[in-house]
Amino acid sequence: MNQTGILTTAACLAAALFTASAQAADPAAGKTQYEATCAACHGANGISVAPVYPNLGGQKEEYLVAQLKAFRDGSRKNDIMQPQAQGLNNTQIANLAAYLEAAAKLR
């Protein structure tokens, strides 16, 4: 690859990263979705109602995004979470993760 190609590729990657970071997640939308689909097991504000289900409130946003995407694509196996995550798009995952990271402050 010549120098022009490298610069073009670098500019495209920078633009993509900027665009992704400029589109902030919506914790309010994440809360609405969480309460409708996740709270039954993971509890209010991400504090689990049973020892078998992990607490999610206060987890790092990036960690939650990575785990939900891994459940969705099948690289992380769990009979309960895989079907739950398969219906989520990237925006929904980002919103859920943003809400859950902030949920620790709601306790």
PDB file of N, CA and C in Angstrom:
ATOM      1  N   MET A   1       0.866  -1.171   0.000  1.00  0.00           N
ATOM      2  CA  MET A   1       0.000   0.000   0.000  1.00  0.00           C
ATOM      3  C   MET A   1       0.910   1.230   0.000  1.00  0.00           C
ATOM      4  N   ASN A   2       0.581   2.193  -0.860  1.00  0.00           N
ATOM      5  CA  ASN A   2       1.393   3.409  -0.909  1.00  0.00           C
ATOM      6  C   ASN A   2       0.994   4.386   0.188  1.00  0.00           C
ATOM      7  N   GLN A   3       1.750   5.485   0.296  1.00  0.00           N
ATOM      8  CA  GLN A   3       1.517   6.441   1.387  1.00  0.00           C
ATOM      9  C   GLN A   3       0.133   7.085   1.290  1.00  0.00           C
ATOM     10  N   THR A   4      -0.355   7.349   0.085  1.00  0.00           N
ATOM     11  CA  THR A   4      -1.684   7.932  -0.074  1.00  0.00           C
ATOM     12  C   THR A   4      -2.754   6.969   0.418  1.00  0.00           C
ATOM     13  N   GLY A   5      -2.598   5.705   0.101  1.00  0.00           N
ATOM     14  CA  GLY A   5      -3.555   4.697   0.552  1.00  0.00           C
ATOM     15  C   GLY A   5      -3.566   4.566   2.067  1.00  0.00           C
ATOM     16  N   ILE A   6      -2.405   4.631   2.669  1.00  0.00           N
ATOM     17  CA  ILE A   6      -2.314   4.542   4.122  1.00  0.00           C
ATOM     18  C   ILE A   6      -2.996   5.740   4.772  1.00  0.00           C
ATOM     19  N   LEU A   7      -2.737   6.933   4.233  1.00  0.00           N
ATOM     20  CA  LEU A   7      -3.362   8.134   4.786  1.00  0.00           C
ATOM     21  C   LEU A   7      -4.879   8.102   4.616  1.00  0.00           C
ATOM     22  N   THR A   8      -5.343   7.637   3.479  1.00  0.00           N
ATOM     23  CA  THR A   8      -6.779   7.545   3.234  1.00  0.00           C
ATOM     24  C   THR A   8      -7.423   6.567   4.216  1.00  0.00           C
ATOM     25  N   THR A   9      -6.774   5.423   4.405  1.00  0.00           N
ATOM     26  CA  THR A   9      -7.292   4.432   5.347  1.00  0.00           C
ATOM     27  C   THR A   9      -7.326   4.993   6.762  1.00  0.00           C
ATOM     28  N   ALA A  10      -6.265   5.676   7.153  1.00  0.00           N
ATOM     29  CA  ALA A  10      -6.212   6.263   8.498  1.00  0.00           C
ATOM     30  C   ALA A  10      -7.304   7.320   8.681  1.00  0.00           C
ATOM     31  N   ALA A  11      -7.542   8.124   7.662  1.00  0.00           N
ATOM     32  CA  ALA A  11      -8.581   9.155   7.739  1.00  0.00           C
ATOM     33  C   ALA A  11      -9.964   8.520   7.862  1.00  0.00           C
ATOM     34  N   CYS A  12     -10.199   7.448   7.125  1.00  0.00           N
ATOM     35  CA  CYS A  12     -11.492   6.755   7.208  1.00  0.00           C
ATOM     36  C   CYS A  12     -11.697   6.140   8.588  1.00  0.00           C
ATOM     37  N   LEU A  13     -10.662   5.529   9.133  1.00  0.00           N
ATOM     38  CA  LEU A  13     -10.773   4.954  10.472  1.00  0.00           C
ATOM     39  C   LEU A  13     -11.024   6.031  11.520  1.00  0.00           C
ATOM     40  N   ALA A  14     -10.332   7.155  11.412  1.00  0.00           N
ATOM     41  CA  ALA A  14     -10.539   8.250  12.364  1.00  0.00           C
ATOM     42  C   ALA A  14     -11.961   8.782  12.273  1.00  0.00           C
ATOM     43  N   ALA A  15     -12.480   8.928  11.052  1.00  0.00           N
ATOM     44  CA  ALA A  15     -13.846   9.417  10.879  1.00  0.00           C
ATOM     45  C   ALA A  15     -14.849   8.435  11.463  1.00  0.00           C
ATOM     46  N   ALA A  16     -14.629   7.152  11.277  1.00  0.00           N
ATOM     47  CA  ALA A  16     -15.537   6.136  11.820  1.00  0.00           C
ATOM     48  C   ALA A  16     -15.520   6.153  13.347  1.00  0.00           C
ATOM     49  N   LEU A  17     -14.339   6.277  13.932  1.00  0.00           N
ATOM     50  CA  LEU A  17     -14.249   6.332  15.393  1.00  0.00           C
ATOM     51  C   LEU A  17     -14.913   7.582  15.940  1.00  0.00           C
ATOM     52  N   PHE A  18     -14.731   8.699  15.266  1.00  0.00           N
ATOM     53  CA  PHE A  18     -15.351   9.945  15.707  1.00  0.00           C
ATOM     54  C   PHE A  18     -16.871   9.837  15.629  1.00  0.00           C
ATOM     55  N   THR A  19     -17.374   9.280  14.544  1.00  0.00           N
ATOM     56  CA  THR A  19     -18.813   9.123  14.378  1.00  0.00           C
ATOM     57  C   THR A  19     -19.387   8.217  15.464  1.00  0.00           C
ATOM     58  N   ALA A  20     -18.707   7.119  15.757  1.00  0.00           N
ATOM     59  CA  ALA A  20     -19.189   6.187  16.778  1.00  0.00           C
ATOM     60  C   ALA A  20     -19.209   6.846  18.147  1.00  0.00           C
ATOM     61  N   SER A  21     -18.184   7.628  18.461  1.00  0.00           N
ATOM     62  CA  SER A  21     -18.152   8.255  19.778  1.00  0.00           C
ATOM     63  C   SER A  21     -19.100   9.435  19.862  1.00  0.00           C
ATOM     64  N   ALA A  22     -19.427  10.045  18.733  1.00  0.00           N
ATOM     65  CA  ALA A  22     -20.328  11.193  18.736  1.00  0.00           C
ATOM     66  C   ALA A  22     -21.776  10.769  18.964  1.00  0.00           C
ATOM     67  N   GLN A  23     -22.093   9.519  18.680  1.00  0.00           N
ATOM     68  CA  GLN A  23     -23.449   9.019  18.866  1.00  0.00           C
ATOM     69  C   GLN A  23     -23.555   8.430  20.273  1.00  0.00           C
ATOM     70  N   ALA A  24     -23.871   9.268  21.216  1.00  0.00           N
ATOM     71  CA  ALA A  24     -23.921   8.843  22.607  1.00  0.00           C
ATOM     72  C   ALA A  24     -25.096   7.910  22.847  1.00  0.00           C
ATOM     73  N   ALA A  25     -24.869   6.978  23.745  1.00  0.00           N
ATOM     74  CA  ALA A  25     -25.939   6.064  24.141  1.00  0.00           C
ATOM     75  C   ALA A  25     -26.971   6.818  24.966  1.00  0.00           C
ATOM     76  N   ASP A  26     -28.158   6.274  25.033  1.00  0.00           N
ATOM     77  CA  ASP A  26     -29.278   6.901  25.742  1.00  0.00           C
ATOM     78  C   ASP A  26     -29.628   6.066  26.978  1.00  0.00           C
ATOM     79  N   PRO A  27     -29.116   6.440  28.161  1.00  0.00           N
ATOM     80  CA  PRO A  27     -29.412   5.668  29.365  1.00  0.00           C
ATOM     81  C   PRO A  27     -30.905   5.581  29.692  1.00  0.00           C
ATOM     82  N   ALA A  28     -31.671   6.619  29.372  1.00  0.00           N
ATOM     83  CA  ALA A  28     -33.115   6.581  29.645  1.00  0.00           C
ATOM     84  C   ALA A  28     -33.789   5.492  28.819  1.00  0.00           C
ATOM     85  N   ALA A  29     -33.410   5.380  27.558  1.00  0.00           N
ATOM     86  CA  ALA A  29     -33.952   4.303  26.717  1.00  0.00           C
ATOM     87  C   ALA A  29     -33.482   2.950  27.233  1.00  0.00           C
ATOM     88  N   GLY A  30     -32.229   2.897  27.694  1.00  0.00           N
ATOM     89  CA  GLY A  30     -31.715   1.660  28.269  1.00  0.00           C
ATOM     90  C   GLY A  30     -32.481   1.245  29.509  1.00  0.00           C
ATOM     91  N   LYS A  31     -32.846   2.214  30.343  1.00  0.00           N
ATOM     92  CA  LYS A  31     -33.615   1.920  31.561  1.00  0.00           C
ATOM     93  C   LYS A  31     -34.978   1.340  31.210  1.00  0.00           C
ATOM     94  N   THR A  32     -35.639   1.944  30.220  1.00  0.00           N
ATOM     95  CA  THR A  32     -36.956   1.455  29.797  1.00  0.00           C
ATOM     96  C   THR A  32     -36.866   0.011  29.319  1.00  0.00           C
ATOM     97  N   GLN A  33     -35.864  -0.270  28.494  1.00  0.00           N
ATOM     98  CA  GLN A  33     -35.698  -1.629  27.985  1.00  0.00           C
ATOM     99  C   GLN A  33     -35.307  -2.588  29.109  1.00  0.00           C
ATOM    100  N   TYR A  34     -34.412  -2.140  29.963  1.00  0.00           N
ATOM    101  CA  TYR A  34     -33.974  -2.982  31.080  1.00  0.00           C
ATOM    102  C   TYR A  34     -35.161  -3.385  31.957  1.00  0.00           C
ATOM    103  N   GLU A  35     -35.976  -2.419  32.310  1.00  0.00           N
ATOM    104  CA  GLU A  35     -37.119  -2.703  33.180  1.00  0.00           C
ATOM    105  C   GLU A  35     -38.102  -3.668  32.530  1.00  0.00           C
ATOM    106  N   ALA A  36     -38.205  -3.620  31.217  1.00  0.00           N
ATOM    107  CA  ALA A  36     -39.145  -4.493  30.505  1.00  0.00           C
ATOM    108  C   ALA A  36     -38.597  -5.902  30.294  1.00  0.00           C
ATOM    109  N   THR A  37     -37.282  -6.058  30.174  1.00  0.00           N
ATOM    110  CA  THR A  37     -36.759  -7.363  29.772  1.00  0.00           C
ATOM    111  C   THR A  37     -35.708  -7.968  30.689  1.00  0.00           C
ATOM    112  N   CYS A  38     -35.067  -7.188  31.514  1.00  0.00           N
ATOM    113  CA  CYS A  38     -33.917  -7.691  32.280  1.00  0.00           C
ATOM    114  C   CYS A  38     -34.144  -7.718  33.787  1.00  0.00           C
ATOM    115  N   ALA A  39     -34.952  -6.791  34.283  1.00  0.00           N
ATOM    116  CA  ALA A  39     -35.090  -6.603  35.726  1.00  0.00           C
ATOM    117  C   ALA A  39     -35.687  -7.815  36.439  1.00  0.00           C
ATOM    118  N   ALA A  40     -36.469  -8.615  35.744  1.00  0.00           N
ATOM    119  CA  ALA A  40     -37.079  -9.779  36.396  1.00  0.00           C
ATOM    120  C   ALA A  40     -36.018 -10.701  36.998  1.00  0.00           C
ATOM    121  N   CYS A  41     -34.887 -10.817  36.346  1.00  0.00           N
ATOM    122  CA  CYS A  41     -33.801 -11.658  36.864  1.00  0.00           C
ATOM    123  C   CYS A  41     -32.696 -10.835  37.524  1.00  0.00           C
ATOM    124  N   HIS A  42     -32.311  -9.754  36.883  1.00  0.00           N
ATOM    125  CA  HIS A  42     -31.153  -8.979  37.342  1.00  0.00           C
ATOM    126  C   HIS A  42     -31.515  -7.898  38.350  1.00  0.00           C
ATOM    127  N   GLY A  43     -32.816  -7.726  38.634  1.00  0.00           N
ATOM    128  CA  GLY A  43     -33.256  -6.850  39.708  1.00  0.00           C
ATOM    129  C   GLY A  43     -33.289  -5.373  39.371  1.00  0.00           C
ATOM    130  N   ALA A  44     -33.945  -4.629  40.247  1.00  0.00           N
ATOM    131  CA  ALA A  44     -34.049  -3.177  40.084  1.00  0.00           C
ATOM    132  C   ALA A  44     -32.654  -2.561  40.138  1.00  0.00           C
ATOM    133  N   ASN A  45     -32.406  -1.644  39.237  1.00  0.00           N
ATOM    134  CA  ASN A  45     -31.109  -0.960  39.141  1.00  0.00           C
ATOM    135  C   ASN A  45     -29.928  -1.918  39.001  1.00  0.00           C
ATOM    136  N   GLY A  46     -30.183  -3.121  38.495  1.00  0.00           N
ATOM    137  CA  GLY A  46     -29.105  -4.068  38.233  1.00  0.00           C
ATOM    138  C   GLY A  46     -28.628  -4.851  39.437  1.00  0.00           C
ATOM    139  N   ILE A  47     -29.391  -4.838  40.521  1.00  0.00           N
ATOM    140  CA  ILE A  47     -29.044  -5.622  41.705  1.00  0.00           C
ATOM    141  C   ILE A  47     -29.913  -6.876  41.702  1.00  0.00           C
ATOM    142  N   SER A  48     -29.280  -8.003  41.533  1.00  0.00           N
ATOM    143  CA  SER A  48     -29.955  -9.275  41.317  1.00  0.00           C
ATOM    144  C   SER A  48     -30.881  -9.670  42.460  1.00  0.00           C
ATOM    145  N   VAL A  49     -31.943 -10.367  42.084  1.00  0.00           N
ATOM    146  CA  VAL A  49     -32.903 -10.861  43.066  1.00  0.00           C
ATOM    147  C   VAL A  49     -32.563 -12.267  43.543  1.00  0.00           C
ATOM    148  N   ALA A  50     -31.617 -12.916  42.902  1.00  0.00           N
ATOM    149  CA  ALA A  50     -31.238 -14.281  43.262  1.00  0.00           C
ATOM    150  C   ALA A  50     -29.743 -14.466  43.019  1.00  0.00           C
ATOM    151  N   PRO A  51     -29.086 -15.270  43.842  1.00  0.00           N
ATOM    152  CA  PRO A  51     -27.635 -15.445  43.707  1.00  0.00           C
ATOM    153  C   PRO A  51     -27.185 -16.002  42.350  1.00  0.00           C
ATOM    154  N   VAL A  52     -28.060 -16.708  41.675  1.00  0.00           N
ATOM    155  CA  VAL A  52     -27.685 -17.304  40.393  1.00  0.00           C
ATOM    156  C   VAL A  52     -27.535 -16.256  39.283  1.00  0.00           C
ATOM    157  N   TYR A  53     -28.152 -15.088  39.447  1.00  0.00           N
ATOM    158  CA  TYR A  53     -28.079 -14.031  38.445  1.00  0.00           C
ATOM    159  C   TYR A  53     -27.108 -12.948  38.905  1.00  0.00           C
ATOM    160  N   PRO A  54     -26.176 -12.550  38.053  1.00  0.00           N
ATOM    161  CA  PRO A  54     -25.181 -11.553  38.479  1.00  0.00           C
ATOM    162  C   PRO A  54     -25.766 -10.144  38.592  1.00  0.00           C
ATOM    163  N   ASN A  55     -25.161  -9.362  39.486  1.00  0.00           N
ATOM    164  CA  ASN A  55     -25.469  -7.940  39.566  1.00  0.00           C
ATOM    165  C   ASN A  55     -24.853  -7.258  38.351  1.00  0.00           C
ATOM    166  N   LEU A  56     -25.623  -6.423  37.684  1.00  0.00           N
ATOM    167  CA  LEU A  56     -25.133  -5.707  36.507  1.00  0.00           C
ATOM    168  C   LEU A  56     -24.958  -4.215  36.773  1.00  0.00           C
ATOM    169  N   GLY A  57     -25.688  -3.691  37.750  1.00  0.00           N
ATOM    170  CA  GLY A  57     -25.600  -2.269  38.061  1.00  0.00           C
ATOM    171  C   GLY A  57     -24.200  -1.887  38.501  1.00  0.00           C
ATOM    172  N   GLY A  58     -23.643  -0.870  37.857  1.00  0.00           N
ATOM    173  CA  GLY A  58     -22.317  -0.401  38.199  1.00  0.00           C
ATOM    174  C   GLY A  58     -21.193  -1.038  37.406  1.00  0.00           C
ATOM    175  N   GLN A  59     -21.508  -2.031  36.579  1.00  0.00           N
ATOM    176  CA  GLN A  59     -20.473  -2.604  35.716  1.00  0.00           C
ATOM    177  C   GLN A  59     -20.039  -1.565  34.685  1.00  0.00           C
ATOM    178  N   LYS A  60     -18.830  -1.683  34.211  1.00  0.00           N
ATOM    179  CA  LYS A  60     -18.311  -0.766  33.191  1.00  0.00           C
ATOM    180  C   LYS A  60     -19.092  -0.933  31.886  1.00  0.00           C
ATOM    181  N   GLU A  61     -19.412   0.189  31.270  1.00  0.00           N
ATOM    182  CA  GLU A  61     -20.191   0.191  30.029  1.00  0.00           C
ATOM    183  C   GLU A  61     -19.531  -0.659  28.949  1.00  0.00           C
ATOM    184  N   GLU A  62     -18.228  -0.497  28.758  1.00  0.00           N
ATOM    185  CA  GLU A  62     -17.523  -1.235  27.703  1.00  0.00           C
ATOM    186  C   GLU A  62     -17.586  -2.744  27.945  1.00  0.00           C
ATOM    187  N   TYR A  63     -17.488  -3.143  29.203  1.00  0.00           N
ATOM    188  CA  TYR A  63     -17.569  -4.559  29.552  1.00  0.00           C
ATOM    189  C   TYR A  63     -18.948  -5.116  29.206  1.00  0.00           C
ATOM    190  N   LEU A  64     -19.990  -4.383  29.598  1.00  0.00           N
ATOM    191  CA  LEU A  64     -21.348  -4.843  29.325  1.00  0.00           C
ATOM    192  C   LEU A  64     -21.618  -4.941  27.827  1.00  0.00           C
ATOM    193  N   VAL A  65     -21.156  -3.966  27.061  1.00  0.00           N
ATOM    194  CA  VAL A  65     -21.321  -4.015  25.602  1.00  0.00           C
ATOM    195  C   VAL A  65     -20.648  -5.266  25.051  1.00  0.00           C
ATOM    196  N   ALA A  66     -19.409  -5.505  25.463  1.00  0.00           N
ATOM    197  CA  ALA A  66     -18.676  -6.664  24.952  1.00  0.00           C
ATOM    198  C   ALA A  66     -19.379  -7.975  25.308  1.00  0.00           C
ATOM    199  N   GLN A  67     -19.882  -8.084  26.535  1.00  0.00           N
ATOM    200  CA  GLN A  67     -20.532  -9.328  26.955  1.00  0.00           C
ATOM    201  C   GLN A  67     -21.856  -9.558  26.231  1.00  0.00           C
ATOM    202  N   LEU A  68     -22.651  -8.503  26.094  1.00  0.00           N
ATOM    203  CA  LEU A  68     -23.926  -8.663  25.376  1.00  0.00           C
ATOM    204  C   LEU A  68     -23.696  -9.020  23.909  1.00  0.00           C
ATOM    205  N   LYS A  69     -22.693  -8.416  23.294  1.00  0.00           N
ATOM    206  CA  LYS A  69     -22.389  -8.765  21.895  1.00  0.00           C
ATOM    207  C   LYS A  69     -21.881 -10.205  21.803  1.00  0.00           C
ATOM    208  N   ALA A  70     -21.109 -10.640  22.793  1.00  0.00           N
ATOM    209  CA  ALA A  70     -20.619 -12.027  22.791  1.00  0.00           C
ATOM    210  C   ALA A  70     -21.775 -13.017  22.954  1.00  0.00           C
ATOM    211  N   PHE A  71     -22.735 -12.699  23.817  1.00  0.00           N
ATOM    212  CA  PHE A  71     -23.925 -13.550  23.920  1.00  0.00           C
ATOM    213  C   PHE A  71     -24.681 -13.554  22.597  1.00  0.00           C
ATOM    214  N   ARG A  72     -24.813 -12.378  21.992  1.00  0.00           N
ATOM    215  CA  ARG A  72     -25.576 -12.257  20.751  1.00  0.00           C
ATOM    216  C   ARG A  72     -24.944 -13.058  19.617  1.00  0.00           C
ATOM    217  N   ASP A  73     -23.616 -12.967  19.486  1.00  0.00           N
ATOM    218  CA  ASP A  73     -22.973 -13.661  18.361  1.00  0.00           C
ATOM    219  C   ASP A  73     -22.613 -15.116  18.671  1.00  0.00           C
ATOM    220  N   GLY A  74     -22.872 -15.550  19.912  1.00  0.00           N
ATOM    221  CA  GLY A  74     -22.652 -16.943  20.267  1.00  0.00           C
ATOM    222  C   GLY A  74     -21.256 -17.266  20.761  1.00  0.00           C
ATOM    223  N   SER A  75     -20.367 -16.277  20.819  1.00  0.00           N
ATOM    224  CA  SER A  75     -19.012 -16.560  21.298  1.00  0.00           C
ATOM    225  C   SER A  75     -18.973 -16.733  22.816  1.00  0.00           C
ATOM    226  N   ARG A  76     -19.973 -16.264  23.513  1.00  0.00           N
ATOM    227  CA  ARG A  76     -20.142 -16.553  24.936  1.00  0.00           C
ATOM    228  C   ARG A  76     -21.428 -17.353  25.076  1.00  0.00           C
ATOM    229  N   LYS A  77     -21.307 -18.524  25.629  1.00  0.00           N
ATOM    230  CA  LYS A  77     -22.435 -19.455  25.702  1.00  0.00           C
ATOM    231  C   LYS A  77     -23.182 -19.329  27.032  1.00  0.00           C
ATOM    232  N   ASN A  78     -24.489 -19.225  26.939  1.00  0.00           N
ATOM    233  CA  ASN A  78     -25.364 -19.271  28.104  1.00  0.00           C
ATOM    234  C   ASN A  78     -26.769 -19.486  27.585  1.00  0.00           C
ATOM    235  N   ASP A  79     -27.410 -20.540  28.067  1.00  0.00           N
ATOM    236  CA  ASP A  79     -28.732 -20.911  27.559  1.00  0.00           C
ATOM    237  C   ASP A  79     -29.805 -19.858  27.821  1.00  0.00           C
ATOM    238  N   ILE A  80     -29.621 -19.049  28.851  1.00  0.00           N
ATOM    239  CA  ILE A  80     -30.604 -18.006  29.154  1.00  0.00           C
ATOM    240  C   ILE A  80     -30.289 -16.722  28.391  1.00  0.00           C
ATOM    241  N   MET A  81     -29.023 -16.315  28.421  1.00  0.00           N
ATOM    242  CA  MET A  81     -28.673 -15.002  27.875  1.00  0.00           C
ATOM    243  C   MET A  81     -28.561 -14.965  26.351  1.00  0.00           C
ATOM    244  N   GLN A  82     -28.160 -16.049  25.733  1.00  0.00           N
ATOM    245  CA  GLN A  82     -28.047 -16.022  24.268  1.00  0.00           C
ATOM    246  C   GLN A  82     -29.361 -15.656  23.590  1.00  0.00           C
ATOM    247  N   PRO A  83     -30.472 -16.284  23.927  1.00  0.00           N
ATOM    248  CA  PRO A  83     -31.733 -15.888  23.275  1.00  0.00           C
ATOM    249  C   PRO A  83     -32.129 -14.445  23.612  1.00  0.00           C
ATOM    250  N   GLN A  84     -31.818 -13.999  24.819  1.00  0.00           N
ATOM    251  CA  GLN A  84     -32.149 -12.624  25.198  1.00  0.00           C
ATOM    252  C   GLN A  84     -31.372 -11.622  24.345  1.00  0.00           C
ATOM    253  N   ALA A  85     -30.095 -11.888  24.151  1.00  0.00           N
ATOM    254  CA  ALA A  85     -29.224 -10.947  23.448  1.00  0.00           C
ATOM    255  C   ALA A  85     -29.399 -10.996  21.931  1.00  0.00           C
ATOM    256  N   GLN A  86     -29.857 -12.107  21.395  1.00  0.00           N
ATOM    257  CA  GLN A  86     -29.970 -12.231  19.939  1.00  0.00           C
ATOM    258  C   GLN A  86     -30.913 -11.204  19.327  1.00  0.00           C
ATOM    259  N   GLY A  87     -31.877 -10.740  20.076  1.00  0.00           N
ATOM    260  CA  GLY A  87     -32.816  -9.758  19.547  1.00  0.00           C
ATOM    261  C   GLY A  87     -32.366  -8.316  19.703  1.00  0.00           C
ATOM    262  N   LEU A  88     -31.172  -8.091  20.269  1.00  0.00           N
ATOM    263  CA  LEU A  88     -30.706  -6.727  20.517  1.00  0.00           C
ATOM    264  C   LEU A  88     -29.841  -6.216  19.366  1.00  0.00           C
ATOM    265  N   ASN A  89     -30.069  -4.967  18.984  1.00  0.00           N
ATOM    266  CA  ASN A  89     -29.167  -4.339  18.010  1.00  0.00           C
ATOM    267  C   ASN A  89     -28.096  -3.563  18.773  1.00  0.00           C
ATOM    268  N   ASN A  90     -27.123  -3.016  18.063  1.00  0.00           N
ATOM    269  CA  ASN A  90     -26.015  -2.322  18.711  1.00  0.00           C
ATOM    270  C   ASN A  90     -26.477  -1.116  19.522  1.00  0.00           C
ATOM    271  N   THR A  91     -27.475  -0.409  19.040  1.00  0.00           N
ATOM    272  CA  THR A  91     -27.980   0.758  19.769  1.00  0.00           C
ATOM    273  C   THR A  91     -28.616   0.331  21.080  1.00  0.00           C
ATOM    274  N   GLN A  92     -29.406  -0.716  21.060  1.00  0.00           N
ATOM    275  CA  GLN A  92     -30.044  -1.206  22.280  1.00  0.00           C
ATOM    276  C   GLN A  92     -29.003  -1.680  23.296  1.00  0.00           C
ATOM    277  N   ILE A  93     -27.983  -2.356  22.811  1.00  0.00           N
ATOM    278  CA  ILE A  93     -26.908  -2.814  23.695  1.00  0.00           C
ATOM    279  C   ILE A  93     -26.202  -1.614  24.324  1.00  0.00           C
ATOM    280  N   ALA A  94     -25.892  -0.616  23.524  1.00  0.00           N
ATOM    281  CA  ALA A  94     -25.225   0.584  24.046  1.00  0.00           C
ATOM    282  C   ALA A  94     -26.092   1.287  25.080  1.00  0.00           C
ATOM    283  N   ASN A  95     -27.387   1.373  24.824  1.00  0.00           N
ATOM    284  CA  ASN A  95     -28.299   2.028  25.760  1.00  0.00           C
ATOM    285  C   ASN A  95     -28.384   1.263  27.082  1.00  0.00           C
ATOM    286  N   LEU A  96     -28.505  -0.052  27.005  1.00  0.00           N
ATOM    287  CA  LEU A  96     -28.549  -0.867  28.215  1.00  0.00           C
ATOM    288  C   LEU A  96     -27.265  -0.706  29.035  1.00  0.00           C
ATOM    289  N   ALA A  97     -26.141  -0.763  28.354  1.00  0.00           N
ATOM    290  CA  ALA A  97     -24.855  -0.651  29.046  1.00  0.00           C
ATOM    291  C   ALA A  97     -24.693   0.722  29.703  1.00  0.00           C
ATOM    292  N   ALA A  98     -25.116   1.774  29.012  1.00  0.00           N
ATOM    293  CA  ALA A  98     -25.017   3.122  29.580  1.00  0.00           C
ATOM    294  C   ALA A  98     -25.892   3.237  30.823  1.00  0.00           C
ATOM    295  N   TYR A  99     -27.090   2.699  30.765  1.00  0.00           N
ATOM    296  CA  TYR A  99     -27.982   2.734  31.925  1.00  0.00           C
ATOM    297  C   TYR A  99     -27.380   1.953  33.092  1.00  0.00           C
ATOM    298  N   LEU A 100     -26.902   0.745  32.829  1.00  0.00           N
ATOM    299  CA  LEU A 100     -26.404  -0.100  33.907  1.00  0.00           C
ATOM    300  C   LEU A 100     -25.151   0.458  34.556  1.00  0.00           C
ATOM    301  N   GLU A 101     -24.278   1.077  33.782  1.00  0.00           N
ATOM    302  CA  GLU A 101     -23.100   1.688  34.395  1.00  0.00           C
ATOM    303  C   GLU A 101     -23.523   2.791  35.376  1.00  0.00           C
ATOM    304  N   ALA A 102     -24.507   3.578  34.984  1.00  0.00           N
ATOM    305  CA  ALA A 102     -24.988   4.669  35.834  1.00  0.00           C
ATOM    306  C   ALA A 102     -25.877   4.174  36.967  1.00  0.00           C
ATOM    307  N   ALA A 103     -26.425   2.970  36.858  1.00  0.00           N
ATOM    308  CA  ALA A 103     -27.386   2.460  37.842  1.00  0.00           C
ATOM    309  C   ALA A 103     -26.789   2.328  39.227  1.00  0.00           C
ATOM    310  N   ALA A 104     -25.500   2.153  39.340  1.00  0.00           N
ATOM    311  CA  ALA A 104     -24.877   2.033  40.666  1.00  0.00           C
ATOM    312  C   ALA A 104     -25.096   3.288  41.482  1.00  0.00           C
ATOM    313  N   LYS A 105     -25.209   4.409  40.845  1.00  0.00           N
ATOM    314  CA  LYS A 105     -25.418   5.672  41.538  1.00  0.00           C
ATOM    315  C   LYS A 105     -26.859   5.831  42.009  1.00  0.00           C
ATOM    316  N   LEU A 106     -27.749   4.970  41.525  1.00  0.00           N
ATOM    317  CA  LEU A 106     -29.159   5.063  41.860  1.00  0.00           C
ATOM    318  C   LEU A 106     -29.526   4.286  43.116  1.00  0.00           C
ATOM    319  N   ARG A 107     -28.607   3.515  43.647  1.00  0.00           N
ATOM    320  CA  ARG A 107     -28.886   2.677  44.827  1.00  0.00           C
ATOM    321  C   ARG A 107     -29.048   3.501  46.062  1.00  0.00           C
TER     322      ARG A 107
END
